[in-house]
Amino acid sequence: MNSLTRLIYRLRPLRIRLVGPSDQASAALHGLAHMVNRRPDMDGRRIRIDLTIREKPLEEWR
């Protein structure tokens, strides 16, 4: 990976979309925080998270 690719990679936000019940969404956010904390290449990276809380069972929102 050259330096231009790294620069573009850092400027472009990482997009994450979470849809689900509040307990599953909070567990997913917790896991995401641990993943970002462990990866040195995520230092300084912008992250965009779209979060939708739906308390209905999975079968009902498909």
Protein backbone atom coordinates (compact mmCIF):
# COMPACT_ATOMS: atom_id res chain seq x y z
CA MET A 1 0.00 0.00 0.00
CA ASN A 2 1.57 3.29 -1.05
CA SER A 3 1.29 6.58 0.83
CA LEU A 4 -1.40 8.02 -1.49
CA THR A 5 -3.59 4.97 -0.93
CA ARG A 6 -3.13 5.28 2.83
CA LEU A 7 -4.10 8.96 2.73
CA ILE A 8 -7.26 8.26 0.73
CA TYR A 9 -8.07 5.35 3.06
CA ARG A 10 -7.86 7.64 6.12
CA LEU A 11 -9.90 10.46 4.59
CA ARG A 12 -12.77 8.23 3.52
CA PRO A 13 -15.00 7.37 6.49
CA LEU A 14 -15.63 3.77 7.40
CA ARG A 15 -19.41 3.31 7.09
CA ILE A 16 -21.23 0.93 9.39
CA ARG A 17 -24.98 0.32 9.47
CA LEU A 18 -26.51 -1.41 12.49
CA VAL A 19 -30.20 -2.34 12.58
CA GLY A 20 -31.71 -4.40 15.36
CA PRO A 21 -32.91 -4.58 18.94
CA SER A 22 -31.17 -2.35 21.45
CA ASP A 23 -29.32 -5.18 23.20
CA GLN A 24 -27.87 -6.52 19.94
CA ALA A 25 -26.98 -3.03 18.68
CA SER A 26 -25.19 -2.19 21.94
CA ALA A 27 -23.28 -5.49 21.79
CA ALA A 28 -22.28 -4.75 18.20
CA LEU A 29 -21.08 -1.24 19.14
CA HIS A 30 -19.10 -2.71 22.04
CA GLY A 31 -17.43 -5.24 19.72
CA LEU A 32 -16.71 -2.50 17.19
CA ALA A 33 -15.03 -0.37 19.87
CA HIS A 34 -12.78 -3.29 20.83
CA MET A 35 -11.88 -3.95 17.18
CA VAL A 36 -10.98 -0.30 16.56
CA ASN A 37 -8.94 -0.18 19.78
CA ARG A 38 -6.87 -3.24 18.75
CA ARG A 39 -6.02 -2.07 15.22
CA PRO A 40 -3.26 0.53 14.86
CA ASP A 41 -4.31 1.23 11.25
CA MET A 42 -7.62 2.61 12.58
CA ASP A 43 -5.83 5.42 14.46
CA GLY A 44 -7.12 8.72 13.10
CA ARG A 45 -9.77 7.05 10.93
CA ARG A 46 -13.23 8.57 10.69
CA ILE A 47 -16.12 6.20 11.32
CA ARG A 48 -19.73 6.86 10.38
CA ILE A 49 -22.28 4.69 12.19
CA ASP A 50 -25.96 4.62 11.22
CA LEU A 51 -27.89 3.08 14.07
CA THR A 52 -31.54 2.03 13.91
CA ILE A 53 -33.18 0.44 16.95
CA ARG A 54 -36.06 -1.88 16.14
CA GLU A 55 -37.51 -4.03 18.88
CA LYS A 56 -39.43 -6.29 16.47
CA PRO A 57 -38.11 -9.80 15.80
CA LEU A 58 -35.86 -10.19 12.76
CA GLU A 59 -38.54 -11.96 10.67
CA GLU A 60 -40.88 -8.96 10.94
CA TRP A 61 -38.49 -6.39 9.41
CA ARG A 62 -37.46 -8.25 6.31
